[in-house]
């Protein structure tokens, strides 16, 4: 993730599910939407203009949850 990036979410399941950097070896983590959020999204933006060439996404390590689509 870009340094100093601002991240916002359409919703979160609760305060324990606001993780978007998933490389924590000690504790599996993920961002999870609220059940009634039918169009969930995460927005990442930087203060300085950047050219975004891609994103790395992964499924949750300890449950059957994953990203099904991505849009730039």
Protein backbone atom coordinates (compact mmCIF):
# COMPACT_ATOMS: atom_id res chain seq x y z
CA UNK A 1 0.00 0.00 0.00
CA UNK A 2 1.22 3.49 -0.74
CA UNK A 3 2.69 5.40 2.15
CA UNK A 4 0.41 8.07 3.62
CA UNK A 5 -2.58 6.65 1.76
CA UNK A 6 -6.04 7.52 3.04
CA UNK A 7 -8.43 4.59 3.18
CA UNK A 8 -12.21 4.70 3.54
CA UNK A 9 -14.85 1.96 3.51
CA UNK A 10 -18.53 1.71 2.61
CA UNK A 11 -19.09 -0.06 5.95
CA UNK A 12 -17.39 -2.36 8.43
CA UNK A 13 -18.70 -5.40 10.28
CA UNK A 14 -17.39 -3.92 13.54
CA UNK A 15 -14.26 -2.19 14.83
CA UNK A 16 -12.33 -5.48 14.70
CA UNK A 17 -12.82 -5.73 10.91
CA UNK A 18 -11.16 -2.57 9.62
CA UNK A 19 -7.95 -4.25 8.44
CA UNK A 20 -6.70 -3.62 4.94
CA UNK A 21 -3.03 -4.56 5.36
CA UNK A 22 -3.16 -8.32 5.61
CA UNK A 23 0.48 -9.24 6.09
CA UNK A 24 0.20 -9.53 9.87
CA UNK A 25 1.77 -12.91 10.60
CA UNK A 26 0.61 -12.98 14.23
CA UNK A 27 -3.13 -12.57 13.60
CA UNK A 28 -5.17 -13.28 10.44
CA UNK A 29 -7.16 -10.17 9.56
CA UNK A 30 -9.48 -8.79 6.93
CA UNK A 31 -11.87 -5.99 6.09
CA UNK A 32 -15.43 -7.23 6.37
CA UNK A 33 -18.55 -5.34 5.29
CA UNK A 34 -21.82 -5.15 7.19
CA UNK A 35 -24.33 -7.79 6.10
CA UNK A 36 -26.74 -5.20 4.69
CA UNK A 37 -24.06 -3.45 2.57
CA UNK A 38 -25.04 -4.69 -0.91
CA UNK A 39 -22.39 -2.65 -2.79
CA UNK A 40 -19.31 -2.77 -0.55
CA UNK A 41 -16.19 -0.81 -1.49
CA UNK A 42 -12.79 0.31 -0.24
CA UNK A 43 -11.28 3.57 -1.51
CA UNK A 44 -7.55 4.28 -1.33
CA UNK A 45 -6.22 7.71 -2.23
CA UNK A 46 -2.97 9.63 -1.87
CA UNK A 47 -2.37 13.32 -1.27
CA UNK A 48 0.22 13.45 -4.05
CA UNK A 49 -0.85 12.27 -7.52
CA UNK A 50 0.23 8.69 -8.26
CA UNK A 51 -0.21 6.31 -11.15
CA UNK A 52 -1.82 3.14 -9.79
CA UNK A 53 -0.90 0.14 -11.90
CA UNK A 54 -2.58 -2.58 -9.89
CA UNK A 55 -3.63 -3.93 -6.55
CA UNK A 56 -2.81 -7.09 -4.66
CA UNK A 57 -5.77 -8.84 -3.07
CA UNK A 58 -5.98 -12.12 -1.21
CA UNK A 59 -8.59 -14.25 0.46
CA UNK A 60 -8.84 -14.44 4.20
CA UNK A 61 -6.43 -16.98 5.63
CA UNK A 62 -8.67 -18.60 8.21
CA UNK A 63 -12.14 -18.40 6.57
CA UNK A 64 -13.67 -18.84 3.12
CA UNK A 65 -13.82 -15.11 2.25
CA UNK A 66 -12.28 -13.38 -0.77
CA UNK A 67 -12.58 -10.52 -3.24
CA UNK A 68 -14.80 -11.33 -6.23
CA UNK A 69 -14.18 -8.21 -8.33
CA UNK A 70 -12.03 -5.09 -8.44
CA UNK A 71 -12.40 -1.81 -10.34
CA UNK A 72 -9.92 1.03 -10.90
